[in-house]
Amino acid sequence: MKKLVWLILFALVLSSAAMAQNISQIKLKDLQRVLTTKTDRIQVINFWATWCAPCVKEIPLFEKLRTDNTTIDITLVSMDFDLDPDPAKVERFVTRKNLQNKVVILAETDPNAWIDKIDKSWSGALPATLIINTQTGKRKLVQKELHEGDLEKLISEVSN
């Protein structure tokens, strides 16, 4: 009986690992393409890190938004590379939290060289969320932890 329980647990672990998403490392030019490509979908880009407690705390809001609204593209951009260029840390986090949103690792080592290319008003603080309507050019950057209802309000501000 014990062997059967262990076998089932092992199978569950393997199946969840197989379902884990492929997390790619991207460069600034790749991210800029996401920010500027015209689409009929609102782009929500969240900059976060595994070591940032407020970032981790707000991630469920992005996961909920994904299930509640299918007209929005959400990208979670991990900033872990600057301090720890080991992508396995982010991959373990994503698997453990069972994140369904697209997660990428920004593989850039000098934030001062590219932060203002994302948004001139961004200080580099985390968490930061950028919401873009690429059809109208409306953008909204928030440099703080988001709470219930904040995302929906920000999306409506760029949608009009």
C-alpha atoms as a PDB file:
ATOM      1  CA  MET A   1       0.000   0.000   0.000  1.00  0.00           C
ATOM      2  CA  LYS A   2       2.831   2.386   0.878  1.00  0.00           C
ATOM      3  CA  LYS A   3       4.472   1.724  -2.497  1.00  0.00           C
ATOM      4  CA  LEU A   4       1.215   2.527  -4.297  1.00  0.00           C
ATOM      5  CA  VAL A   5       0.844   5.847  -2.460  1.00  0.00           C
ATOM      6  CA  TRP A   6       4.445   6.790  -3.303  1.00  0.00           C
ATOM      7  CA  LEU A   7       3.950   5.764  -6.916  1.00  0.00           C
ATOM      8  CA  ILE A   8       0.843   7.943  -7.212  1.00  0.00           C
ATOM      9  CA  LEU A   9       2.617  10.902  -5.590  1.00  0.00           C
ATOM     10  CA  PHE A  10       5.585  10.453  -7.910  1.00  0.00           C
ATOM     11  CA  ALA A  11       3.267  10.374 -10.946  1.00  0.00           C
ATOM     12  CA  LEU A  12       1.544  13.560  -9.778  1.00  0.00           C
ATOM     13  CA  VAL A  13       4.883  15.339  -9.370  1.00  0.00           C
ATOM     14  CA  LEU A  14       5.983  14.244 -12.837  1.00  0.00           C
ATOM     15  CA  SER A  15       2.711  15.316 -14.438  1.00  0.00           C
ATOM     16  CA  SER A  16       2.826  18.753 -12.803  1.00  0.00           C
ATOM     17  CA  ALA A  17       6.439  19.191 -13.931  1.00  0.00           C
ATOM     18  CA  ALA A  18       5.441  18.247 -17.461  1.00  0.00           C
ATOM     19  CA  MET A  19       2.729  20.913 -17.418  1.00  0.00           C
ATOM     20  CA  ALA A  20       5.135  23.648 -16.293  1.00  0.00           C
ATOM     21  CA  GLN A  21       5.498  26.418 -18.801  1.00  0.00           C
ATOM     22  CA  ASN A  22       8.579  27.131 -20.830  1.00  0.00           C
ATOM     23  CA  ILE A  23      10.132  30.303 -19.414  1.00  0.00           C
ATOM     24  CA  SER A  24      12.313  32.140 -21.874  1.00  0.00           C
ATOM     25  CA  GLN A  25      15.010  34.683 -21.277  1.00  0.00           C
ATOM     26  CA  ILE A  26      14.472  37.812 -23.322  1.00  0.00           C
ATOM     27  CA  LYS A  27      16.452  40.946 -24.049  1.00  0.00           C
ATOM     28  CA  LEU A  28      15.229  44.535 -23.997  1.00  0.00           C
ATOM     29  CA  LYS A  29      14.563  44.549 -27.761  1.00  0.00           C
ATOM     30  CA  ASP A  30      12.216  41.562 -27.334  1.00  0.00           C
ATOM     31  CA  LEU A  31      10.325  43.317 -24.553  1.00  0.00           C
ATOM     32  CA  GLN A  32      10.097  46.522 -26.578  1.00  0.00           C
ATOM     33  CA  ARG A  33       8.455  44.513 -29.356  1.00  0.00           C
ATOM     34  CA  VAL A  34       5.725  43.467 -26.898  1.00  0.00           C
ATOM     35  CA  LEU A  35       5.279  47.091 -25.814  1.00  0.00           C
ATOM     36  CA  THR A  36       4.958  48.480 -29.336  1.00  0.00           C
ATOM     37  CA  THR A  37       3.292  45.810 -31.470  1.00  0.00           C
ATOM     38  CA  LYS A  38      -0.227  46.941 -32.307  1.00  0.00           C
ATOM     39  CA  THR A  39      -2.879  44.524 -31.127  1.00  0.00           C
ATOM     40  CA  ASP A  40      -6.553  44.687 -30.214  1.00  0.00           C
ATOM     41  CA  ARG A  41      -5.702  43.321 -26.759  1.00  0.00           C
ATOM     42  CA  ILE A  42      -4.667  45.419 -23.754  1.00  0.00           C
ATOM     43  CA  GLN A  43      -1.108  44.565 -22.699  1.00  0.00           C
ATOM     44  CA  VAL A  44      -0.473  44.158 -18.963  1.00  0.00           C
ATOM     45  CA  ILE A  45       3.218  43.856 -18.153  1.00  0.00           C
ATOM     46  CA  ASN A  46       4.210  43.260 -14.557  1.00  0.00           C
ATOM     47  CA  PHE A  47       7.830  43.645 -13.460  1.00  0.00           C
ATOM     48  CA  TRP A  48       8.548  41.512 -10.412  1.00  0.00           C
ATOM     49  CA  ALA A  49      11.172  39.379  -8.684  1.00  0.00           C
ATOM     50  CA  THR A  50      11.084  36.283  -6.519  1.00  0.00           C
ATOM     51  CA  TRP A  51      12.893  38.171  -3.728  1.00  0.00           C
ATOM     52  CA  CYS A  52      10.340  41.046  -3.715  1.00  0.00           C
ATOM     53  CA  ALA A  53       7.638  40.326  -1.104  1.00  0.00           C
ATOM     54  CA  PRO A  54       5.092  42.873  -2.469  1.00  0.00           C
ATOM     55  CA  CYS A  55       5.645  41.438  -5.976  1.00  0.00           C
ATOM     56  CA  VAL A  56       4.912  37.909  -4.832  1.00  0.00           C
ATOM     57  CA  LYS A  57       1.898  39.099  -2.849  1.00  0.00           C
ATOM     58  CA  GLU A  58       0.226  40.686  -5.904  1.00  0.00           C
ATOM     59  CA  ILE A  59       0.830  37.834  -8.385  1.00  0.00           C
ATOM     60  CA  PRO A  60      -2.535  36.156  -7.583  1.00  0.00           C
ATOM     61  CA  LEU A  61      -4.251  39.329  -8.876  1.00  0.00           C
ATOM     62  CA  PHE A  62      -2.684  38.766 -12.305  1.00  0.00           C
ATOM     63  CA  GLU A  63      -3.638  35.097 -12.254  1.00  0.00           C
ATOM     64  CA  LYS A  64      -7.242  36.015 -11.391  1.00  0.00           C
ATOM     65  CA  LEU A  65      -7.306  38.656 -14.131  1.00  0.00           C
ATOM     66  CA  ARG A  66      -6.214  36.002 -16.615  1.00  0.00           C
ATOM     67  CA  THR A  67      -9.187  33.793 -15.767  1.00  0.00           C
ATOM     68  CA  ASP A  68     -11.669  36.680 -15.565  1.00  0.00           C
ATOM     69  CA  ASN A  69     -10.725  38.517 -18.766  1.00  0.00           C
ATOM     70  CA  THR A  70      -9.733  36.858 -22.018  1.00  0.00           C
ATOM     71  CA  THR A  71      -9.213  40.105 -23.957  1.00  0.00           C
ATOM     72  CA  ILE A  72      -6.018  40.999 -22.125  1.00  0.00           C
ATOM     73  CA  ASP A  73      -2.458  39.743 -22.606  1.00  0.00           C
ATOM     74  CA  ILE A  74      -0.510  39.453 -19.356  1.00  0.00           C
ATOM     75  CA  THR A  75       3.251  39.081 -19.217  1.00  0.00           C
ATOM     76  CA  LEU A  76       5.082  38.667 -15.921  1.00  0.00           C
ATOM     77  CA  VAL A  77       8.640  39.916 -16.428  1.00  0.00           C
ATOM     78  CA  SER A  78      11.034  38.520 -13.854  1.00  0.00           C
ATOM     79  CA  MET A  79      13.815  40.882 -12.836  1.00  0.00           C
ATOM     80  CA  ASP A  80      15.744  38.168 -11.011  1.00  0.00           C
ATOM     81  CA  PHE A  81      18.465  37.978 -13.678  1.00  0.00           C
ATOM     82  CA  ASP A  82      20.196  41.156 -12.494  1.00  0.00           C
ATOM     83  CA  LEU A  83      20.953  39.728  -9.033  1.00  0.00           C
ATOM     84  CA  ASP A  84      20.940  36.006  -9.816  1.00  0.00           C
ATOM     85  CA  PRO A  85      21.296  34.915 -13.441  1.00  0.00           C
ATOM     86  CA  ASP A  86      20.087  31.383 -12.610  1.00  0.00           C
ATOM     87  CA  PRO A  87      16.748  30.897 -14.455  1.00  0.00           C
ATOM     88  CA  ALA A  88      16.071  27.684 -12.500  1.00  0.00           C
ATOM     89  CA  LYS A  89      15.129  29.780  -9.448  1.00  0.00           C
ATOM     90  CA  VAL A  90      12.350  31.520 -11.395  1.00  0.00           C
ATOM     91  CA  GLU A  91      11.261  28.238 -12.993  1.00  0.00           C
ATOM     92  CA  ARG A  92      10.944  26.583  -9.561  1.00  0.00           C
ATOM     93  CA  PHE A  93       8.922  29.561  -8.295  1.00  0.00           C
ATOM     94  CA  VAL A  94       6.570  29.471 -11.297  1.00  0.00           C
ATOM     95  CA  THR A  95       6.075  25.711 -10.934  1.00  0.00           C
ATOM     96  CA  ARG A  96       5.538  25.910  -7.164  1.00  0.00           C
ATOM     97  CA  LYS A  97       2.965  28.702  -7.552  1.00  0.00           C
ATOM     98  CA  ASN A  98       1.433  27.026 -10.638  1.00  0.00           C
ATOM     99  CA  LEU A  99       1.454  30.308 -12.561  1.00  0.00           C
ATOM    100  CA  GLN A 100      -0.520  30.245 -15.791  1.00  0.00           C
ATOM    101  CA  ASN A 101       0.331  33.701 -17.111  1.00  0.00           C
ATOM    102  CA  LYS A 102       3.240  34.041 -19.502  1.00  0.00           C
ATOM    103  CA  VAL A 103       6.480  34.469 -17.538  1.00  0.00           C
ATOM    104  CA  VAL A 104       9.729  35.704 -19.049  1.00  0.00           C
ATOM    105  CA  ILE A 105      13.082  36.577 -17.529  1.00  0.00           C
ATOM    106  CA  LEU A 106      14.563  39.892 -18.610  1.00  0.00           C
ATOM    107  CA  ALA A 107      18.196  38.949 -19.254  1.00  0.00           C
ATOM    108  CA  GLU A 108      19.703  42.403 -18.865  1.00  0.00           C
ATOM    109  CA  THR A 109      22.329  43.190 -16.230  1.00  0.00           C
ATOM    110  CA  ASP A 110      22.358  46.997 -16.129  1.00  0.00           C
ATOM    111  CA  PRO A 111      18.911  48.367 -15.211  1.00  0.00           C
ATOM    112  CA  ASN A 112      20.142  51.965 -15.440  1.00  0.00           C
ATOM    113  CA  ALA A 113      20.776  51.422 -19.147  1.00  0.00           C
ATOM    114  CA  TRP A 114      17.234  50.359 -20.023  1.00  0.00           C
ATOM    115  CA  ILE A 115      14.656  51.340 -17.365  1.00  0.00           C
ATOM    116  CA  ASP A 116      13.779  54.649 -19.043  1.00  0.00           C
ATOM    117  CA  LYS A 117      13.336  52.786 -22.352  1.00  0.00           C
ATOM    118  CA  ILE A 118      10.411  50.948 -20.789  1.00  0.00           C
ATOM    119  CA  ASP A 119       8.845  54.116 -19.382  1.00  0.00           C
ATOM    120  CA  LYS A 120      10.535  57.446 -18.709  1.00  0.00           C
ATOM    121  CA  SER A 121       8.667  57.855 -15.415  1.00  0.00           C
ATOM    122  CA  TRP A 122       9.776  54.486 -14.011  1.00  0.00           C
ATOM    123  CA  SER A 123      12.234  54.812 -11.137  1.00  0.00           C
ATOM    124  CA  GLY A 124      13.106  51.119 -11.335  1.00  0.00           C
ATOM    125  CA  ALA A 125      11.130  50.273  -8.190  1.00  0.00           C
ATOM    126  CA  LEU A 126       9.433  46.897  -7.921  1.00  0.00           C
ATOM    127  CA  PRO A 127       6.741  45.886  -8.252  1.00  0.00           C
ATOM    128  CA  ALA A 128       5.858  47.902 -11.321  1.00  0.00           C
ATOM    129  CA  THR A 129       2.979  47.322 -13.695  1.00  0.00           C
ATOM    130  CA  LEU A 130       2.658  48.837 -17.149  1.00  0.00           C
ATOM    131  CA  ILE A 131      -0.701  48.723 -18.902  1.00  0.00           C
ATOM    132  CA  ILE A 132      -0.779  49.629 -22.586  1.00  0.00           C
ATOM    133  CA  ASN A 133      -3.496  50.091 -25.157  1.00  0.00           C
ATOM    134  CA  THR A 134      -1.390  49.742 -28.309  1.00  0.00           C
ATOM    135  CA  GLN A 135      -4.285  50.887 -30.516  1.00  0.00           C
ATOM    136  CA  THR A 136      -4.603  54.298 -28.854  1.00  0.00           C
ATOM    137  CA  GLY A 137      -1.132  54.631 -27.329  1.00  0.00           C
ATOM    138  CA  LYS A 138      -2.576  55.130 -23.843  1.00  0.00           C
ATOM    139  CA  ARG A 139      -0.250  53.845 -21.112  1.00  0.00           C
ATOM    140  CA  LYS A 140      -0.357  53.680 -17.367  1.00  0.00           C
ATOM    141  CA  LEU A 141       2.603  52.815 -15.125  1.00  0.00           C
ATOM    142  CA  VAL A 142       2.116  51.987 -11.458  1.00  0.00           C
ATOM    143  CA  GLN A 143       5.129  51.590  -9.160  1.00  0.00           C
ATOM    144  CA  LYS A 144       3.622  49.968  -6.100  1.00  0.00           C
ATOM    145  CA  GLU A 145       1.897  46.815  -4.937  1.00  0.00           C
ATOM    146  CA  LEU A 146      -1.538  46.464  -6.484  1.00  0.00           C
ATOM    147  CA  HIS A 147      -4.608  45.405  -4.525  1.00  0.00           C
ATOM    148  CA  GLU A 148      -7.984  43.889  -5.376  1.00  0.00           C
ATOM    149  CA  GLY A 149      -9.741  45.993  -8.040  1.00  0.00           C
ATOM    150  CA  ASP A 150      -6.664  48.077  -8.974  1.00  0.00           C
ATOM    151  CA  LEU A 151      -5.927  46.220 -12.200  1.00  0.00           C
ATOM    152  CA  GLU A 152      -9.469  46.499 -13.480  1.00  0.00           C
ATOM    153  CA  LYS A 153      -9.496  50.245 -12.750  1.00  0.00           C
ATOM    154  CA  LEU A 154      -6.171  50.797 -14.535  1.00  0.00           C
ATOM    155  CA  ILE A 155      -7.310  48.766 -17.534  1.00  0.00           C
ATOM    156  CA  SER A 156     -10.481  50.823 -17.831  1.00  0.00           C
ATOM    157  CA  GLU A 157      -8.391  54.018 -17.778  1.00  0.00           C
ATOM    158  CA  VAL A 158      -6.412  52.975 -20.867  1.00  0.00           C
ATOM    159  CA  SER A 159      -9.370  51.321 -22.595  1.00  0.00           C
ATOM    160  CA  ASN A 160     -11.373  54.530 -23.041  1.00  0.00           C
END
